[in-house]
C-alpha atoms as a PDB file:
ATOM      1  CA  MET A   1      -5.715 -38.966  11.472  1.00  0.00           C
ATOM      2  CA  SER A   2      -8.253 -41.370  11.282  1.00  0.00           C
ATOM      3  CA  LEU A   3     -11.076 -42.148  13.442  1.00  0.00           C
ATOM      4  CA  ASN A   4     -13.310 -45.517  13.874  1.00  0.00           C
ATOM      5  CA  PRO A   5     -16.948 -44.147  13.098  1.00  0.00           C
ATOM      6  CA  LYS A   6     -18.254 -46.935  15.386  1.00  0.00           C
ATOM      7  CA  THR A   7     -16.989 -44.808  18.304  1.00  0.00           C
ATOM      8  CA  LEU A   8     -18.579 -41.466  16.595  1.00  0.00           C
ATOM      9  CA  LEU A   9     -21.985 -42.876  16.025  1.00  0.00           C
ATOM     10  CA  PRO A  10     -23.775 -43.882  19.426  1.00  0.00           C
ATOM     11  CA  GLU A  11     -25.164 -47.741  18.967  1.00  0.00           C
ATOM     12  CA  ALA A  12     -28.018 -47.329  21.015  1.00  0.00           C
ATOM     13  CA  ILE A  13     -29.735 -44.872  18.595  1.00  0.00           C
ATOM     14  CA  ASP A  14     -31.842 -46.078  16.156  1.00  0.00           C
ATOM     15  CA  ALA A  15     -33.584 -44.464  12.797  1.00  0.00           C
ATOM     16  CA  ASP A  16     -36.650 -42.907  14.421  1.00  0.00           C
ATOM     17  CA  GLU A  17     -34.499 -41.419  17.501  1.00  0.00           C
ATOM     18  CA  PHE A  18     -31.984 -40.286  14.506  1.00  0.00           C
ATOM     19  CA  ALA A  19     -35.104 -38.669  12.474  1.00  0.00           C
ATOM     20  CA  SER A  20     -36.442 -37.088  15.615  1.00  0.00           C
ATOM     21  CA  LEU A  21     -32.696 -35.205  16.702  1.00  0.00           C
ATOM     22  CA  LEU A  22     -32.891 -33.888  12.757  1.00  0.00           C
ATOM     23  CA  GLU A  23     -36.215 -32.259  13.386  1.00  0.00           C
ATOM     24  CA  HIS A  24     -34.492 -30.045  15.882  1.00  0.00           C
ATOM     25  CA  ARG A  25     -32.746 -27.829  12.761  1.00  0.00           C
ATOM     26  CA  GLU A  26     -31.867 -24.634  15.034  1.00  0.00           C
ATOM     27  CA  LEU A  27     -30.030 -26.539  17.645  1.00  0.00           C
ATOM     28  CA  LEU A  28     -28.347 -28.495  14.866  1.00  0.00           C
ATOM     29  CA  GLU A  29     -27.087 -25.417  12.988  1.00  0.00           C
ATOM     30  CA  ALA A  30     -25.948 -24.126  16.306  1.00  0.00           C
ATOM     31  CA  THR A  31     -24.249 -26.986  16.876  1.00  0.00           C
ATOM     32  CA  GLU A  32     -22.530 -26.906  13.502  1.00  0.00           C
ATOM     33  CA  ILE A  33     -21.377 -23.547  13.707  1.00  0.00           C
ATOM     34  CA  ALA A  34     -19.993 -24.237  17.497  1.00  0.00           C
ATOM     35  CA  GLY A  35     -18.034 -26.970  16.306  1.00  0.00           C
ATOM     36  CA  ARG A  36     -17.076 -26.057  12.688  1.00  0.00           C
ATOM     37  CA  PHE A  37     -18.538 -28.955  10.995  1.00  0.00           C
ATOM     38  CA  GLY A  38     -21.552 -29.790   8.581  1.00  0.00           C
ATOM     39  CA  HIS A  39     -23.455 -32.682   7.008  1.00  0.00           C
ATOM     40  CA  CYS A  40     -24.524 -33.815   3.862  1.00  0.00           C
ATOM     41  CA  GLN A  41     -26.291 -36.486   1.960  1.00  0.00           C
ATOM     42  CA  TRP A  42     -25.332 -38.071  -1.404  1.00  0.00           C
ATOM     43  CA  ASN A  43     -26.862 -40.422  -3.840  1.00  0.00           C
ATOM     44  CA  SER A  44     -24.333 -42.839  -4.403  1.00  0.00           C
ATOM     45  CA  GLN A  45     -26.001 -44.173  -7.706  1.00  0.00           C
ATOM     46  CA  THR A  46     -25.938 -40.974  -9.460  1.00  0.00           C
ATOM     47  CA  ARG A  47     -22.755 -39.188  -7.442  1.00  0.00           C
ATOM     48  CA  GLU A  48     -25.160 -36.216  -6.614  1.00  0.00           C
ATOM     49  CA  LEU A  49     -25.360 -34.095  -3.703  1.00  0.00           C
ATOM     50  CA  GLU A  50     -28.999 -34.522  -2.527  1.00  0.00           C
ATOM     51  CA  THR A  51     -29.007 -32.113   0.522  1.00  0.00           C
ATOM     52  CA  CYS A  52     -26.599 -30.315   2.863  1.00  0.00           C
ATOM     53  CA  SER A  53     -26.740 -28.199   5.758  1.00  0.00           C
ATOM     54  CA  ARG A  54     -25.629 -24.366   6.011  1.00  0.00           C
ATOM     55  CA  GLY A  55     -22.375 -25.732   8.248  1.00  0.00           C
ATOM     56  CA  TYR A  56     -21.240 -27.741   5.327  1.00  0.00           C
ATOM     57  CA  ALA A  57     -21.369 -24.593   3.113  1.00  0.00           C
ATOM     58  CA  ARG A  58     -19.829 -22.140   5.160  1.00  0.00           C
ATOM     59  CA  LEU A  59     -16.968 -25.263   5.138  1.00  0.00           C
ATOM     60  CA  PHE A  60     -16.815 -24.106   1.376  1.00  0.00           C
ATOM     61  CA  ASN A  61     -17.214 -20.178   2.357  1.00  0.00           C
ATOM     62  CA  MET A  62     -20.708 -20.442  -0.036  1.00  0.00           C
ATOM     63  CA  SER A  63     -24.009 -20.304   0.725  1.00  0.00           C
ATOM     64  CA  LEU A  64     -26.343 -23.011   0.954  1.00  0.00           C
ATOM     65  CA  GLU A  65     -27.827 -22.297  -2.554  1.00  0.00           C
ATOM     66  CA  GLU A  66     -24.169 -21.893  -4.105  1.00  0.00           C
ATOM     67  CA  ALA A  67     -23.064 -25.393  -2.216  1.00  0.00           C
ATOM     68  CA  LEU A  68     -25.976 -26.994  -3.584  1.00  0.00           C
ATOM     69  CA  GLY A  69     -25.859 -25.428  -7.282  1.00  0.00           C
ATOM     70  CA  ARG A  70     -22.000 -25.769  -7.055  1.00  0.00           C
ATOM     71  CA  LEU A  71     -21.008 -29.190  -5.083  1.00  0.00           C
ATOM     72  CA  ARG A  72     -24.070 -31.293  -6.769  1.00  0.00           C
ATOM     73  CA  LYS A  73     -22.205 -33.092  -8.884  1.00  0.00           C
ATOM     74  CA  TRP A  74     -19.371 -35.118  -8.156  1.00  0.00           C
ATOM     75  CA  GLU A  75     -17.040 -33.710 -10.705  1.00  0.00           C
ATOM     76  CA  GLU A  76     -17.738 -30.237  -9.543  1.00  0.00           C
ATOM     77  CA  LEU A  77     -16.849 -31.414  -5.767  1.00  0.00           C
ATOM     78  CA  LEU A  78     -13.640 -32.815  -6.919  1.00  0.00           C
ATOM     79  CA  THR A  79     -12.440 -28.999  -8.191  1.00  0.00           C
ATOM     80  CA  HIS A  80     -12.762 -28.254  -4.684  1.00  0.00           C
ATOM     81  CA  ILE A  81     -10.701 -30.886  -3.539  1.00  0.00           C
ATOM     82  CA  HIS A  82      -7.110 -29.907  -3.438  1.00  0.00           C
ATOM     83  CA  PRO A  83      -5.020 -31.892  -6.392  1.00  0.00           C
ATOM     84  CA  ASP A  84      -2.816 -33.755  -4.301  1.00  0.00           C
ATOM     85  CA  ASP A  85      -5.551 -35.311  -2.022  1.00  0.00           C
ATOM     86  CA  ARG A  86      -8.043 -36.044  -5.464  1.00  0.00           C
ATOM     87  CA  ALA A  87      -6.921 -39.529  -6.203  1.00  0.00           C
ATOM     88  CA  ARG A  88      -6.915 -40.311  -2.495  1.00  0.00           C
ATOM     89  CA  TYR A  89     -10.407 -39.028  -1.829  1.00  0.00           C
ATOM     90  CA  ALA A  90     -12.077 -40.766  -4.754  1.00  0.00           C
ATOM     91  CA  ASP A  91     -10.324 -43.951  -3.646  1.00  0.00           C
ATOM     92  CA  SER A  92     -12.044 -43.232   0.054  1.00  0.00           C
ATOM     93  CA  HIS A  93     -15.583 -42.872  -1.428  1.00  0.00           C
ATOM     94  CA  ASP A  94     -15.046 -45.865  -3.728  1.00  0.00           C
ATOM     95  CA  LEU A  95     -14.006 -47.952  -0.765  1.00  0.00           C
ATOM     96  CA  ASN A  96     -17.185 -46.775   0.819  1.00  0.00           C
ATOM     97  CA  ARG A  97     -19.437 -48.081  -1.839  1.00  0.00           C
ATOM     98  CA  LEU A  98     -18.249 -51.564  -0.761  1.00  0.00           C
ATOM     99  CA  THR A  99     -17.319 -51.242   3.132  1.00  0.00           C
ATOM    100  CA  SER A 100     -20.257 -48.961   4.359  1.00  0.00           C
ATOM    101  CA  HIS A 101     -18.045 -46.012   5.886  1.00  0.00           C
ATOM    102  CA  TYR A 102     -14.561 -44.192   6.011  1.00  0.00           C
ATOM    103  CA  THR A 103     -12.673 -41.581   7.391  1.00  0.00           C
ATOM    104  CA  ILE A 104     -10.210 -39.195   5.718  1.00  0.00           C
ATOM    105  CA  ASP A 105      -8.316 -35.970   6.178  1.00  0.00           C
ATOM    106  CA  PHE A 106      -8.120 -33.954   3.344  1.00  0.00           C
ATOM    107  CA  ARG A 107      -7.842 -30.135   1.715  1.00  0.00           C
ATOM    108  CA  ILE A 108     -10.576 -28.281  -0.012  1.00  0.00           C
ATOM    109  CA  ILE A 109     -10.189 -25.100  -1.734  1.00  0.00           C
ATOM    110  CA  LEU A 110     -12.119 -22.076  -1.048  1.00  0.00           C
ATOM    111  CA  GLY A 111     -13.119 -19.631  -4.033  1.00  0.00           C
ATOM    112  CA  ASN A 112     -10.901 -17.213  -2.559  1.00  0.00           C
ATOM    113  CA  GLY A 113      -7.634 -19.902  -3.231  1.00  0.00           C
ATOM    114  CA  GLU A 114      -7.682 -20.401   0.955  1.00  0.00           C
ATOM    115  CA  ILE A 115      -6.795 -23.837   1.574  1.00  0.00           C
ATOM    116  CA  ARG A 116      -8.760 -25.482   4.755  1.00  0.00           C
ATOM    117  CA  TRP A 117      -7.806 -29.169   6.093  1.00  0.00           C
ATOM    118  CA  VAL A 118     -11.280 -30.674   6.456  1.00  0.00           C
ATOM    119  CA  HIS A 119     -12.004 -34.592   8.524  1.00  0.00           C
ATOM    120  CA  GLU A 120     -14.766 -36.549   7.041  1.00  0.00           C
ATOM    121  CA  VAL A 121     -16.796 -39.300   8.292  1.00  0.00           C
ATOM    122  CA  THR A 122     -18.841 -41.076   5.945  1.00  0.00           C
ATOM    123  CA  VAL A 123     -21.715 -43.705   6.259  1.00  0.00           C
ATOM    124  CA  MET A 124     -23.325 -45.642   3.718  1.00  0.00           C
ATOM    125  CA  LYS A 125     -25.973 -48.263   3.645  1.00  0.00           C
ATOM    126  CA  VAL A 126     -24.066 -51.248   2.097  1.00  0.00           C
ATOM    127  CA  GLY A 127     -24.862 -52.595  -1.307  1.00  0.00           C
ATOM    128  CA  ASN A 128     -22.452 -53.491  -3.991  1.00  0.00           C
ATOM    129  CA  ALA A 129     -20.681 -50.965  -5.786  1.00  0.00           C
ATOM    130  CA  LYS A 130     -23.571 -50.916  -8.348  1.00  0.00           C
ATOM    131  CA  ASN A 131     -26.263 -50.632  -6.004  1.00  0.00           C
ATOM    132  CA  ALA A 132     -24.949 -48.891  -2.659  1.00  0.00           C
ATOM    133  CA  GLY A 133     -27.238 -46.807  -0.915  1.00  0.00           C
ATOM    134  CA  PRO A 134     -27.172 -43.192   0.083  1.00  0.00           C
ATOM    135  CA  ALA A 135     -24.071 -41.673   1.720  1.00  0.00           C
ATOM    136  CA  PHE A 136     -24.301 -39.451   4.716  1.00  0.00           C
ATOM    137  CA  SER A 137     -21.363 -37.303   5.798  1.00  0.00           C
ATOM    138  CA  ILE A 138     -20.213 -35.230   8.633  1.00  0.00           C
ATOM    139  CA  LEU A 139     -17.186 -32.666   7.549  1.00  0.00           C
ATOM    140  CA  GLN A 140     -15.163 -30.803  10.040  1.00  0.00           C
ATOM    141  CA  ASP A 141     -12.827 -28.223   9.600  1.00  0.00           C
ATOM    142  CA  ILE A 142      -9.527 -29.161  11.298  1.00  0.00           C
END
C-alpha cells in the first residue's frame, strides 16, 4: 500500500501552526497511542536519529530512552528492519534525499523476535544527495 503524502498533510497548515500543534505534547501522545503510530526526525547528513516520540519507541517495543540509544545510528536501525525489507527500505530513504518524500510498508523485528508491519510516511527538506535537510517520519503499526 502506498499513500500520497500530499493527501496526508493539509496544504493550508504553515510551519508556525505546525510548531504550535507540536507544543500540545499530551494530546499528541494520546493520539499516537490511539492511532498506534509515532514520529521521529532524522538528520539526513549524519543519518542519525535526532528525536522521536514515545509512540515511535512503542512501535519497536522500547522505552523512549532505549529507542534514542539503540536506534540512533542508521546501521542500528537497519538491524531492526526485516532482512527481506532492508534493501528496499534503504533504497526508499536514498530516493527521498532527492525527491522530498516517500511512503513504504515494511516489517520491523522487535527484541523478542516478534515481527510487526509498519507504514512509514517521510518528508524531507529537499537538497541534493549530499545536502539533504532533516527528515520527519510518521510510522504506524498496520
